[in-house]
C-alpha atoms as a PDB file:
ATOM      1  CA  MET A   1      21.798  10.265 -11.799  1.00  0.00           C
ATOM      2  CA  ALA A   2      24.167   9.526  -8.771  1.00  0.00           C
ATOM      3  CA  ARG A   3      23.790  13.282  -7.796  1.00  0.00           C
ATOM      4  CA  TYR A   4      19.988  13.036  -7.852  1.00  0.00           C
ATOM      5  CA  LEU A   5      19.680   9.979  -6.213  1.00  0.00           C
ATOM      6  CA  GLY A   6      21.975  11.395  -3.235  1.00  0.00           C
ATOM      7  CA  ILE A   7      19.543  14.290  -3.058  1.00  0.00           C
ATOM      8  CA  ARG A   8      16.587  12.224  -2.785  1.00  0.00           C
ATOM      9  CA  ALA A   9      18.168   9.881   0.024  1.00  0.00           C
ATOM     10  CA  LEU A  10      18.562  12.914   2.059  1.00  0.00           C
ATOM     11  CA  GLN A  11      15.048  14.404   1.500  1.00  0.00           C
ATOM     12  CA  SER A  12      13.983  10.800   2.360  1.00  0.00           C
ATOM     13  CA  VAL A  13      16.032  10.869   5.723  1.00  0.00           C
ATOM     14  CA  VAL A  14      14.719  14.197   6.853  1.00  0.00           C
ATOM     15  CA  THR A  15      11.015  12.842   5.629  1.00  0.00           C
ATOM     16  CA  LEU A  16      11.554   9.842   8.049  1.00  0.00           C
ATOM     17  CA  VAL A  17      12.748  11.797  10.722  1.00  0.00           C
ATOM     18  CA  LEU A  18      10.328  14.366  10.898  1.00  0.00           C
ATOM     19  CA  SER A  19       7.519  11.355  10.700  1.00  0.00           C
ATOM     20  CA  SER A  20       8.949   9.672  13.325  1.00  0.00           C
ATOM     21  CA  ILE A  21       8.798  12.902  15.574  1.00  0.00           C
ATOM     22  CA  VAL A  22       5.087  13.218  14.383  1.00  0.00           C
ATOM     23  CA  VAL A  23       4.331   9.655  15.149  1.00  0.00           C
ATOM     24  CA  PHE A  24       6.046   9.745  18.531  1.00  0.00           C
ATOM     25  CA  LEU A  25       4.093  12.679  19.698  1.00  0.00           C
ATOM     26  CA  GLY A  26       1.036  11.341  18.325  1.00  0.00           C
ATOM     27  CA  VAL A  27       1.054   7.991  19.846  1.00  0.00           C
ATOM     28  CA  ARG A  28       1.496   9.560  23.165  1.00  0.00           C
ATOM     29  CA  ALA A  29      -1.474  11.714  22.626  1.00  0.00           C
ATOM     30  CA  LEU A  30      -3.706   8.840  22.375  1.00  0.00           C
ATOM     31  CA  PRO A  31      -5.908   8.543  25.289  1.00  0.00           C
ATOM     32  CA  GLY A  32      -5.437   5.702  27.951  1.00  0.00           C
ATOM     33  CA  ASP A  33      -2.691   4.532  29.831  1.00  0.00           C
ATOM     34  CA  PRO A  34      -0.358   1.802  28.224  1.00  0.00           C
ATOM     35  CA  ALA A  35       0.839   0.645  31.976  1.00  0.00           C
ATOM     36  CA  ARG A  36      -2.962   0.153  32.959  1.00  0.00           C
ATOM     37  CA  ALA A  37      -3.795  -1.539  29.569  1.00  0.00           C
ATOM     38  CA  LEU A  38      -0.739  -3.986  30.402  1.00  0.00           C
ATOM     39  CA  ALA A  39      -1.460  -4.580  34.033  1.00  0.00           C
ATOM     40  CA  GLY A  40      -5.246  -4.330  34.245  1.00  0.00           C
ATOM     41  CA  GLU A  41      -7.797  -2.266  35.567  1.00  0.00           C
ATOM     42  CA  GLU A  42      -7.105  -3.845  39.038  1.00  0.00           C
ATOM     43  CA  ALA A  43      -3.523  -3.121  39.275  1.00  0.00           C
ATOM     44  CA  THR A  44      -2.195  -1.381  42.251  1.00  0.00           C
ATOM     45  CA  PRO A  45      -0.460   2.150  41.955  1.00  0.00           C
ATOM     46  CA  GLU A  46       2.980   0.648  42.921  1.00  0.00           C
ATOM     47  CA  THR A  47       2.735  -1.997  39.994  1.00  0.00           C
ATOM     48  CA  LEU A  48       1.386   0.996  37.647  1.00  0.00           C
ATOM     49  CA  ALA A  49       4.699   2.995  38.696  1.00  0.00           C
ATOM     50  CA  ALA A  50       7.078  -0.068  38.313  1.00  0.00           C
ATOM     51  CA  ILE A  51       5.752  -0.841  34.829  1.00  0.00           C
ATOM     52  CA  ARG A  52       6.088   2.994  33.874  1.00  0.00           C
ATOM     53  CA  ALA A  53       9.505   3.025  35.112  1.00  0.00           C
ATOM     54  CA  ASP A  54      10.546  -0.163  33.168  1.00  0.00           C
ATOM     55  CA  LEU A  55       8.859   1.189  30.042  1.00  0.00           C
ATOM     56  CA  GLY A  56      10.475   4.548  30.335  1.00  0.00           C
ATOM     57  CA  LEU A  57       7.300   6.472  30.357  1.00  0.00           C
ATOM     58  CA  ASP A  58       8.013   8.638  33.306  1.00  0.00           C
ATOM     59  CA  ASP A  59      11.012  10.031  31.530  1.00  0.00           C
ATOM     60  CA  PRO A  60      10.669  13.420  29.621  1.00  0.00           C
ATOM     61  CA  LEU A  61       9.236  13.091  26.125  1.00  0.00           C
ATOM     62  CA  PRO A  62      12.949  14.440  24.296  1.00  0.00           C
ATOM     63  CA  GLN A  63      14.562  11.807  26.157  1.00  0.00           C
ATOM     64  CA  GLN A  64      12.132   9.290  25.224  1.00  0.00           C
ATOM     65  CA  TYR A  65      12.356  10.186  21.719  1.00  0.00           C
ATOM     66  CA  LEU A  66      15.929  10.273  21.512  1.00  0.00           C
ATOM     67  CA  ALA A  67      15.864   6.649  23.143  1.00  0.00           C
ATOM     68  CA  PHE A  68      13.511   5.379  20.698  1.00  0.00           C
ATOM     69  CA  LEU A  69      15.498   6.894  17.785  1.00  0.00           C
ATOM     70  CA  GLY A  70      18.754   5.458  18.823  1.00  0.00           C
ATOM     71  CA  GLN A  71      17.067   1.941  18.851  1.00  0.00           C
ATOM     72  CA  VAL A  72      15.312   2.359  15.485  1.00  0.00           C
ATOM     73  CA  LEU A  73      19.093   3.257  13.893  1.00  0.00           C
ATOM     74  CA  ARG A  74      20.566   0.083  15.740  1.00  0.00           C
ATOM     75  CA  GLY A  75      17.407  -1.697  14.111  1.00  0.00           C
ATOM     76  CA  ASP A  76      15.838  -2.357  17.224  1.00  0.00           C
ATOM     77  CA  LEU A  77      12.053  -1.588  17.200  1.00  0.00           C
ATOM     78  CA  GLY A  78      11.534  -2.135  20.860  1.00  0.00           C
ATOM     79  CA  THR A  79       9.489  -4.897  22.596  1.00  0.00           C
ATOM     80  CA  SER A  80       5.878  -5.037  22.465  1.00  0.00           C
ATOM     81  CA  VAL A  81       4.090  -4.026  25.595  1.00  0.00           C
ATOM     82  CA  ARG A  82       1.102  -6.631  25.029  1.00  0.00           C
ATOM     83  CA  THR A  83       3.092  -9.902  24.141  1.00  0.00           C
ATOM     84  CA  GLY A  84       6.740  -9.256  25.404  1.00  0.00           C
ATOM     85  CA  GLN A  85       7.886 -10.034  21.603  1.00  0.00           C
ATOM     86  CA  PRO A  86      10.508  -8.115  19.990  1.00  0.00           C
ATOM     87  CA  VAL A  87       8.592  -5.980  17.588  1.00  0.00           C
ATOM     88  CA  THR A  88      10.808  -6.651  14.456  1.00  0.00           C
ATOM     89  CA  GLU A  89       9.608 -10.256  14.932  1.00  0.00           C
ATOM     90  CA  LEU A  90       6.157  -8.984  14.873  1.00  0.00           C
ATOM     91  CA  VAL A  91       6.731  -7.092  11.863  1.00  0.00           C
ATOM     92  CA  ALA A  92       8.595  -9.555  10.189  1.00  0.00           C
ATOM     93  CA  ALA A  93       5.747 -12.155  10.787  1.00  0.00           C
ATOM     94  CA  THR A  94       2.824  -9.823   9.682  1.00  0.00           C
ATOM     95  CA  LEU A  95       4.174  -7.524   6.999  1.00  0.00           C
ATOM     96  CA  PRO A  96       4.936 -10.246   4.216  1.00  0.00           C
ATOM     97  CA  VAL A  97       1.202 -10.903   4.431  1.00  0.00           C
ATOM     98  CA  THR A  98       0.200  -7.328   3.570  1.00  0.00           C
ATOM     99  CA  LEU A  99       2.749  -7.418   0.941  1.00  0.00           C
ATOM    100  CA  TRP A 100       1.775 -10.408  -0.751  1.00  0.00           C
ATOM    101  CA  LEU A 101      -2.005  -9.074  -0.546  1.00  0.00           C
ATOM    102  CA  SER A 102      -0.870  -5.471  -1.768  1.00  0.00           C
ATOM    103  CA  LEU A 103       1.116  -6.976  -4.745  1.00  0.00           C
ATOM    104  CA  GLY A 104      -1.765  -9.282  -5.429  1.00  0.00           C
ATOM    105  CA  ALA A 105      -4.177  -6.225  -5.582  1.00  0.00           C
ATOM    106  CA  LEU A 106      -1.825  -4.175  -7.622  1.00  0.00           C
ATOM    107  CA  LEU A 107      -1.631  -7.141 -10.343  1.00  0.00           C
ATOM    108  CA  VAL A 108      -5.298  -7.045 -10.604  1.00  0.00           C
ATOM    109  CA  ALA A 109      -5.494  -2.972 -10.743  1.00  0.00           C
ATOM    110  CA  ILE A 110      -2.743  -3.112 -13.232  1.00  0.00           C
ATOM    111  CA  VAL A 111      -4.195  -5.939 -15.558  1.00  0.00           C
ATOM    112  CA  VAL A 112      -7.756  -5.061 -15.312  1.00  0.00           C
ATOM    113  CA  GLY A 113      -7.345  -1.246 -15.207  1.00  0.00           C
ATOM    114  CA  ILE A 114      -5.000  -0.786 -18.063  1.00  0.00           C
ATOM    115  CA  GLY A 115      -6.711  -3.184 -20.100  1.00  0.00           C
ATOM    116  CA  ALA A 116     -10.112  -1.566 -19.526  1.00  0.00           C
ATOM    117  CA  GLY A 117      -8.589   1.943 -20.146  1.00  0.00           C
ATOM    118  CA  VAL A 118      -7.054   1.067 -23.504  1.00  0.00           C
ATOM    119  CA  VAL A 119     -10.176  -0.656 -24.604  1.00  0.00           C
ATOM    120  CA  ALA A 120     -12.481   2.067 -23.544  1.00  0.00           C
ATOM    121  CA  ALA A 121     -10.117   4.922 -25.170  1.00  0.00           C
ATOM    122  CA  VAL A 122      -9.725   2.746 -28.626  1.00  0.00           C
ATOM    123  CA  HIS A 123     -13.516   2.379 -28.651  1.00  0.00           C
ATOM    124  CA  ARG A 124     -14.932   5.764 -27.597  1.00  0.00           C
ATOM    125  CA  GLY A 125     -18.567   6.079 -27.926  1.00  0.00           C
ATOM    126  CA  ARG A 126     -19.048   2.533 -28.187  1.00  0.00           C
ATOM    127  CA  TRP A 127     -20.365  -0.310 -25.953  1.00  0.00           C
ATOM    128  CA  PRO A 128     -16.892  -1.497 -24.651  1.00  0.00           C
ATOM    129  CA  GLU A 129     -16.352   2.128 -23.318  1.00  0.00           C
ATOM    130  CA  TRP A 130     -19.784   1.869 -21.381  1.00  0.00           C
ATOM    131  CA  VAL A 131     -19.113  -1.307 -20.097  1.00  0.00           C
ATOM    132  CA  ALA A 132     -15.656  -0.024 -18.662  1.00  0.00           C
ATOM    133  CA  ASN A 133     -17.253   3.151 -17.174  1.00  0.00           C
ATOM    134  CA  GLY A 134     -19.956   1.392 -15.756  1.00  0.00           C
ATOM    135  CA  PHE A 135     -17.264  -0.994 -14.230  1.00  0.00           C
ATOM    136  CA  THR A 136     -15.450   2.096 -12.930  1.00  0.00           C
ATOM    137  CA  LEU A 137     -18.468   3.749 -11.532  1.00  0.00           C
ATOM    138  CA  VAL A 138     -19.661   0.576  -9.401  1.00  0.00           C
ATOM    139  CA  ALA A 139     -15.757   0.028  -8.225  1.00  0.00           C
ATOM    140  CA  LEU A 140     -15.560   3.415  -6.842  1.00  0.00           C
ATOM    141  CA  SER A 141     -19.109   3.523  -5.365  1.00  0.00           C
ATOM    142  CA  VAL A 142     -19.181   0.320  -3.501  1.00  0.00           C
ATOM    143  CA  PRO A 143     -17.248   0.334   0.014  1.00  0.00           C
ATOM    144  CA  SER A 144     -14.505  -2.233   0.120  1.00  0.00           C
ATOM    145  CA  PHE A 145     -15.841  -3.922   3.167  1.00  0.00           C
ATOM    146  CA  TRP A 146     -19.474  -4.287   1.413  1.00  0.00           C
ATOM    147  CA  LEU A 147     -17.927  -5.807  -1.584  1.00  0.00           C
ATOM    148  CA  GLY A 148     -15.761  -8.072   0.713  1.00  0.00           C
ATOM    149  CA  ILE A 149     -18.923  -9.561   2.545  1.00  0.00           C
ATOM    150  CA  LEU A 150     -20.620  -9.971  -1.088  1.00  0.00           C
ATOM    151  CA  ALA A 151     -17.377 -11.639  -2.371  1.00  0.00           C
ATOM    152  CA  ILE A 152     -17.358 -14.191   0.656  1.00  0.00           C
ATOM    153  CA  LEU A 153     -21.414 -14.811   0.916  1.00  0.00           C
ATOM    154  CA  TYR A 154     -21.428 -15.368  -2.929  1.00  0.00           C
ATOM    155  CA  LEU A 155     -17.971 -16.657  -4.190  1.00  0.00           C
ATOM    156  CA  ALA A 156     -16.854 -18.447  -1.239  1.00  0.00           C
ATOM    157  CA  VAL A 157     -20.090 -19.522   0.622  1.00  0.00           C
ATOM    158  CA  GLY A 158     -22.324 -20.027  -2.156  1.00  0.00           C
ATOM    159  CA  LEU A 159     -20.319 -21.128  -4.819  1.00  0.00           C
ATOM    160  CA  GLY A 160     -17.481 -22.261  -3.079  1.00  0.00           C
ATOM    161  CA  TRP A 161     -15.025 -21.042  -5.621  1.00  0.00           C
ATOM    162  CA  PHE A 162     -12.550 -19.600  -2.955  1.00  0.00           C
ATOM    163  CA  PRO A 163     -11.888 -20.207   0.918  1.00  0.00           C
ATOM    164  CA  ALA A 164     -13.781 -17.506   3.067  1.00  0.00           C
ATOM    165  CA  SER A 165     -11.014 -16.756   5.147  1.00  0.00           C
ATOM    166  CA  GLY A 166      -7.662 -17.896   6.546  1.00  0.00           C
ATOM    167  CA  PHE A 167      -4.058 -17.594   5.112  1.00  0.00           C
ATOM    168  CA  VAL A 168      -1.513 -20.420   4.108  1.00  0.00           C
ATOM    169  CA  PRO A 169       2.396 -19.360   4.179  1.00  0.00           C
ATOM    170  CA  LEU A 170       3.984 -19.724   0.972  1.00  0.00           C
ATOM    171  CA  ARG A 171       6.583 -21.892   1.882  1.00  0.00           C
ATOM    172  CA  GLU A 172       3.975 -24.539   3.241  1.00  0.00           C
ATOM    173  CA  ASP A 173       1.815 -24.694   0.401  1.00  0.00           C
ATOM    174  CA  PRO A 174       2.498 -22.404  -2.737  1.00  0.00           C
ATOM    175  CA  LEU A 175      -0.792 -23.424  -4.376  1.00  0.00           C
ATOM    176  CA  ARG A 176      -3.308 -22.986  -1.263  1.00  0.00           C
ATOM    177  CA  TRP A 177      -1.314 -19.709  -0.296  1.00  0.00           C
ATOM    178  CA  ALA A 178      -2.084 -18.446  -3.874  1.00  0.00           C
ATOM    179  CA  TYR A 179      -5.715 -19.891  -3.731  1.00  0.00           C
ATOM    180  CA  HIS A 180      -6.476 -17.864  -0.176  1.00  0.00           C
ATOM    181  CA  LEU A 181      -4.952 -14.700  -1.545  1.00  0.00           C
ATOM    182  CA  VAL A 182      -7.188 -14.564  -4.655  1.00  0.00           C
ATOM    183  CA  LEU A 183     -10.353 -13.421  -3.466  1.00  0.00           C
ATOM    184  CA  PRO A 184      -8.813 -10.567  -1.109  1.00  0.00           C
ATOM    185  CA  SER A 185      -6.620  -9.342  -3.753  1.00  0.00           C
ATOM    186  CA  LEU A 186      -9.777  -8.975  -6.303  1.00  0.00           C
ATOM    187  CA  VAL A 187     -11.633  -7.108  -3.401  1.00  0.00           C
ATOM    188  CA  LEU A 188      -8.686  -4.844  -2.691  1.00  0.00           C
ATOM    189  CA  GLY A 189      -7.757  -4.260  -5.951  1.00  0.00           C
ATOM    190  CA  THR A 190     -11.106  -3.377  -7.429  1.00  0.00           C
ATOM    191  CA  ALA A 191     -11.138   0.325  -6.530  1.00  0.00           C
ATOM    192  CA  LEU A 192      -7.643   0.930  -7.586  1.00  0.00           C
ATOM    193  CA  ALA A 193      -8.342  -0.820 -10.931  1.00  0.00           C
ATOM    194  CA  ALA A 194     -11.284   1.487 -11.393  1.00  0.00           C
ATOM    195  CA  VAL A 195      -8.744   4.553 -10.685  1.00  0.00           C
ATOM    196  CA  VAL A 196      -5.980   3.252 -13.036  1.00  0.00           C
ATOM    197  CA  MET A 197      -8.718   2.601 -16.046  1.00  0.00           C
ATOM    198  CA  ARG A 198      -9.723   6.199 -15.916  1.00  0.00           C
ATOM    199  CA  GLN A 199      -6.187   7.520 -15.766  1.00  0.00           C
ATOM    200  CA  THR A 200      -5.279   5.156 -18.557  1.00  0.00           C
ATOM    201  CA  ARG A 201      -8.257   5.988 -20.588  1.00  0.00           C
ATOM    202  CA  ALA A 202      -7.717   9.676 -20.226  1.00  0.00           C
ATOM    203  CA  SER A 203      -4.002   9.694 -21.161  1.00  0.00           C
ATOM    204  CA  MET A 204      -4.640   7.157 -23.997  1.00  0.00           C
ATOM    205  CA  ILE A 205      -7.190   9.594 -25.573  1.00  0.00           C
ATOM    206  CA  THR A 206      -4.657  12.145 -25.549  1.00  0.00           C
ATOM    207  CA  ALA A 207      -2.012  10.190 -26.769  1.00  0.00           C
ATOM    208  CA  LEU A 208      -4.228   8.965 -29.637  1.00  0.00           C
ATOM    209  CA  SER A 209      -4.685  12.452 -30.906  1.00  0.00           C
ATOM    210  CA  THR A 210      -1.164  13.385 -30.902  1.00  0.00           C
ATOM    211  CA  ASP A 211       0.841  14.430 -34.338  1.00  0.00           C
ATOM    212  CA  TYR A 212       3.268  11.438 -33.821  1.00  0.00           C
ATOM    213  CA  VAL A 213       0.508   8.898 -33.538  1.00  0.00           C
ATOM    214  CA  ARG A 214      -1.155  10.200 -36.608  1.00  0.00           C
ATOM    215  CA  THR A 215       1.970  10.247 -38.402  1.00  0.00           C
ATOM    216  CA  ALA A 216       2.636   6.408 -37.556  1.00  0.00           C
ATOM    217  CA  ARG A 217      -0.785   5.800 -38.580  1.00  0.00           C
ATOM    218  CA  ALA A 218      -0.331   7.608 -41.868  1.00  0.00           C
ATOM    219  CA  LYS A 219       2.878   5.819 -42.530  1.00  0.00           C
ATOM    220  CA  GLY A 220       1.048   2.534 -42.384  1.00  0.00           C
ATOM    221  CA  MET A 221       2.279   1.066 -39.188  1.00  0.00           C
ATOM    222  CA  PRO A 222       0.032  -1.674 -37.657  1.00  0.00           C
ATOM    223  CA  ARG A 223      -2.497  -0.698 -35.235  1.00  0.00           C
ATOM    224  CA  GLY A 224      -1.515  -2.821 -32.682  1.00  0.00           C
ATOM    225  CA  LYS A 225       2.274  -1.343 -32.567  1.00  0.00           C
ATOM    226  CA  VAL A 226       0.917   2.266 -32.804  1.00  0.00           C
ATOM    227  CA  LEU A 227      -1.132   1.560 -29.578  1.00  0.00           C
ATOM    228  CA  THR A 228       1.493  -0.346 -27.665  1.00  0.00           C
ATOM    229  CA  ARG A 229       4.905   1.453 -28.960  1.00  0.00           C
ATOM    230  CA  PHE A 230       3.516   5.059 -28.894  1.00  0.00           C
ATOM    231  CA  ALA A 231       0.153   5.842 -27.251  1.00  0.00           C
ATOM    232  CA  LEU A 232       0.339   3.137 -24.408  1.00  0.00           C
ATOM    233  CA  ARG A 233       4.012   3.913 -23.563  1.00  0.00           C
ATOM    234  CA  ASN A 234       3.662   7.554 -23.324  1.00  0.00           C
ATOM    235  CA  SER A 235       0.310   7.346 -21.465  1.00  0.00           C
ATOM    236  CA  LEU A 236       2.124   4.860 -18.780  1.00  0.00           C
ATOM    237  CA  ILE A 237       3.877   8.042 -17.153  1.00  0.00           C
ATOM    238  CA  VAL A 238       0.750   9.065 -15.344  1.00  0.00           C
ATOM    239  CA  VAL A 239      -0.409   5.616 -14.744  1.00  0.00           C
ATOM    240  CA  VAL A 240       2.899   4.853 -12.899  1.00  0.00           C
ATOM    241  CA  THR A 241       2.601   7.427 -10.912  1.00  0.00           C
ATOM    242  CA  ILE A 242      -0.800   6.831  -9.832  1.00  0.00           C
ATOM    243  CA  VAL A 243       0.269   3.163  -9.241  1.00  0.00           C
ATOM    244  CA  GLY A 244       3.215   4.137  -7.396  1.00  0.00           C
ATOM    245  CA  LEU A 245       1.293   6.025  -4.661  1.00  0.00           C
ATOM    246  CA  GLN A 246      -1.797   3.772  -4.429  1.00  0.00           C
ATOM    247  CA  LEU A 247       0.842   1.093  -3.681  1.00  0.00           C
ATOM    248  CA  GLY A 248       1.734   2.757  -0.422  1.00  0.00           C
ATOM    249  CA  GLY A 249      -1.902   3.291   0.390  1.00  0.00           C
ATOM    250  CA  LEU A 250      -2.420  -0.483  -0.246  1.00  0.00           C
ATOM    251  CA  ILE A 251      -0.014  -0.999   2.321  1.00  0.00           C
ATOM    252  CA  SER A 252      -1.501   0.792   5.002  1.00  0.00           C
ATOM    253  CA  GLY A 253      -5.074   0.530   3.930  1.00  0.00           C
ATOM    254  CA  ALA A 254      -5.175  -3.117   3.753  1.00  0.00           C
ATOM    255  CA  VAL A 255      -6.737  -3.177   7.385  1.00  0.00           C
ATOM    256  CA  VAL A 256     -10.291  -3.674   6.472  1.00  0.00           C
ATOM    257  CA  THR A 257      -9.700  -6.482   3.734  1.00  0.00           C
ATOM    258  CA  GLU A 258      -7.462  -8.250   6.288  1.00  0.00           C
ATOM    259  CA  ARG A 259     -10.140  -8.248   9.040  1.00  0.00           C
ATOM    260  CA  ILE A 260     -12.924  -9.410   6.604  1.00  0.00           C
ATOM    261  CA  PHE A 261     -10.883 -12.411   5.458  1.00  0.00           C
ATOM    262  CA  GLY A 262      -9.309 -13.207   8.653  1.00  0.00           C
ATOM    263  CA  LEU A 263      -5.531 -12.568   7.311  1.00  0.00           C
ATOM    264  CA  PRO A 264      -2.697 -12.155  10.014  1.00  0.00           C
ATOM    265  CA  GLY A 265      -1.229  -9.189   8.524  1.00  0.00           C
ATOM    266  CA  PHE A 266       0.080  -5.651   9.195  1.00  0.00           C
ATOM    267  CA  GLY A 267      -3.544  -4.319   9.642  1.00  0.00           C
ATOM    268  CA  LYS A 268      -4.562  -6.788  12.548  1.00  0.00           C
ATOM    269  CA  LEU A 269      -1.328  -5.975  14.243  1.00  0.00           C
ATOM    270  CA  THR A 270      -1.886  -2.448  13.846  1.00  0.00           C
ATOM    271  CA  LEU A 271      -5.378  -2.452  15.329  1.00  0.00           C
ATOM    272  CA  ASP A 272      -4.516  -4.856  18.146  1.00  0.00           C
ATOM    273  CA  SER A 273      -1.534  -2.527  18.829  1.00  0.00           C
ATOM    274  CA  VAL A 274      -3.874   0.507  18.943  1.00  0.00           C
ATOM    275  CA  PHE A 275      -6.682  -0.922  20.978  1.00  0.00           C
ATOM    276  CA  THR A 276      -3.994  -1.944  23.768  1.00  0.00           C
ATOM    277  CA  ARG A 277      -1.851   1.423  23.721  1.00  0.00           C
ATOM    278  CA  ASP A 278       1.024  -0.904  22.356  1.00  0.00           C
ATOM    279  CA  TYR A 279       3.413   2.206  21.648  1.00  0.00           C
ATOM    280  CA  PRO A 280       6.294   0.228  20.155  1.00  0.00           C
ATOM    281  CA  VAL A 281       4.253  -1.626  17.810  1.00  0.00           C
ATOM    282  CA  VAL A 282       2.231   1.273  16.679  1.00  0.00           C
ATOM    283  CA  GLN A 283       5.308   3.731  16.319  1.00  0.00           C
ATOM    284  CA  ALA A 284       6.886   0.538  14.223  1.00  0.00           C
ATOM    285  CA  VAL A 285       3.884   0.010  12.024  1.00  0.00           C
ATOM    286  CA  VAL A 286       3.770   3.810  10.999  1.00  0.00           C
ATOM    287  CA  ILE A 287       7.558   4.052  10.610  1.00  0.00           C
ATOM    288  CA  VAL A 288       7.410   1.010   8.234  1.00  0.00           C
ATOM    289  CA  VAL A 289       4.786   2.384   6.259  1.00  0.00           C
ATOM    290  CA  THR A 290       6.323   5.914   5.754  1.00  0.00           C
ATOM    291  CA  ALA A 291       9.684   4.250   4.606  1.00  0.00           C
ATOM    292  CA  ALA A 292       7.505   2.067   2.112  1.00  0.00           C
ATOM    293  CA  TYR A 293       6.025   5.511   0.900  1.00  0.00           C
ATOM    294  CA  VAL A 294       9.350   7.081   0.393  1.00  0.00           C
ATOM    295  CA  LEU A 295      10.973   4.057  -1.213  1.00  0.00           C
ATOM    296  CA  ILE A 296       8.143   3.757  -3.886  1.00  0.00           C
ATOM    297  CA  ASN A 297       8.252   7.241  -4.698  1.00  0.00           C
ATOM    298  CA  LEU A 298      11.845   7.152  -5.312  1.00  0.00           C
ATOM    299  CA  ALA A 299      11.385   4.054  -7.437  1.00  0.00           C
ATOM    300  CA  VAL A 300       8.609   5.711  -9.344  1.00  0.00           C
ATOM    301  CA  ASP A 301      10.778   8.809 -10.328  1.00  0.00           C
ATOM    302  CA  VAL A 302      13.607   6.593 -11.431  1.00  0.00           C
ATOM    303  CA  LEU A 303      10.998   4.628 -13.364  1.00  0.00           C
ATOM    304  CA  TYR A 304      10.170   7.576 -15.418  1.00  0.00           C
ATOM    305  CA  SER A 305      13.391   7.359 -17.242  1.00  0.00           C
ATOM    306  CA  VAL A 306      12.856   3.894 -17.950  1.00  0.00           C
ATOM    307  CA  ILE A 307       9.675   4.138 -19.784  1.00  0.00           C
ATOM    308  CA  ASN A 308      10.500   7.257 -21.494  1.00  0.00           C
ATOM    309  CA  PRO A 309      14.324   7.704 -22.032  1.00  0.00           C
ATOM    310  CA  ARG A 310      13.776  11.345 -23.052  1.00  0.00           C
ATOM    311  CA  ILE A 311      12.879  12.315 -19.418  1.00  0.00           C
ATOM    312  CA  ARG A 312      15.889  12.631 -17.269  1.00  0.00           C
ATOM    313  CA  VAL A 313      15.583  11.872 -13.400  1.00  0.00           C
ATOM    314  CA  GLY A 314      16.864  15.231 -12.694  1.00  0.00           C
ATOM    315  CA  GLY A 315      13.781  16.757 -13.958  1.00  0.00           C
ATOM    316  CA  SER A 316      15.248  17.918 -17.310  1.00  0.00           C
ATOM    317  CA  GLN A 317      13.969  16.516 -20.449  1.00  0.00           C
ATOM    318  CA  ALA A 318      16.075  15.796 -23.665  1.00  0.00           C
END
């Protein structure tokens, strides 16, 4: 275990370094001039030159990258060109909103997706499977922005069950915090629930046809115990992989949902930074998302051995 974690940690560091290079070059390839975006269209050449010198934009790219990498290693993500605030403060203020939204969507996906997948696999060829498949088709076909608009129109404005927009910090009012996150989490988690449902159903069908499940049934083991202890547990290997990869996608893909529901999260920060050519913030956003992907993938690999002890983290199987 320790050796494997060491190898994965080294691979993660290499991935982060390569990603930082790609991000650094990609951000500077964006059209537009951050100095002009900061100073305004009517700024004088002298003012633009002073801003570029202050931001280090006149330095060679390798020198700019090394300066950026040194700051990151010291825990300093730089200063926002747009607001003048430290980037770490902006990330610390917006990232929790997106994380809570992503975790809420993940909870919806796990509960609905795994539940519907198990029901569809157990009741093959009957109406529960048709209902589950119909939900999957609709959830994957309807765009998230359209689903969000419909949810606001009917559930928030029409019925008044949920607030249409806004966010309340957890420390201020836990109940209102949860209340404001329910509807965005449902919208963001619907498509992922459909993916989880399809994978769970396919894995459960395969598991239910295996010899060890048939043997357990032949010995008179209760049906519920057979489903949970044998079929579902072995089916979760594939589901955990999908959920782990999708969690990173939720963190980086919550932009539309946050925009629709007016949440002050990572998505809003990203869009504002791209529009104003705020290099430090854009770089920080991508680095944080990349680090999240790397850590989540490592956690998924370790979780394999927890779900099924026969699987060893190093890749061998007992």
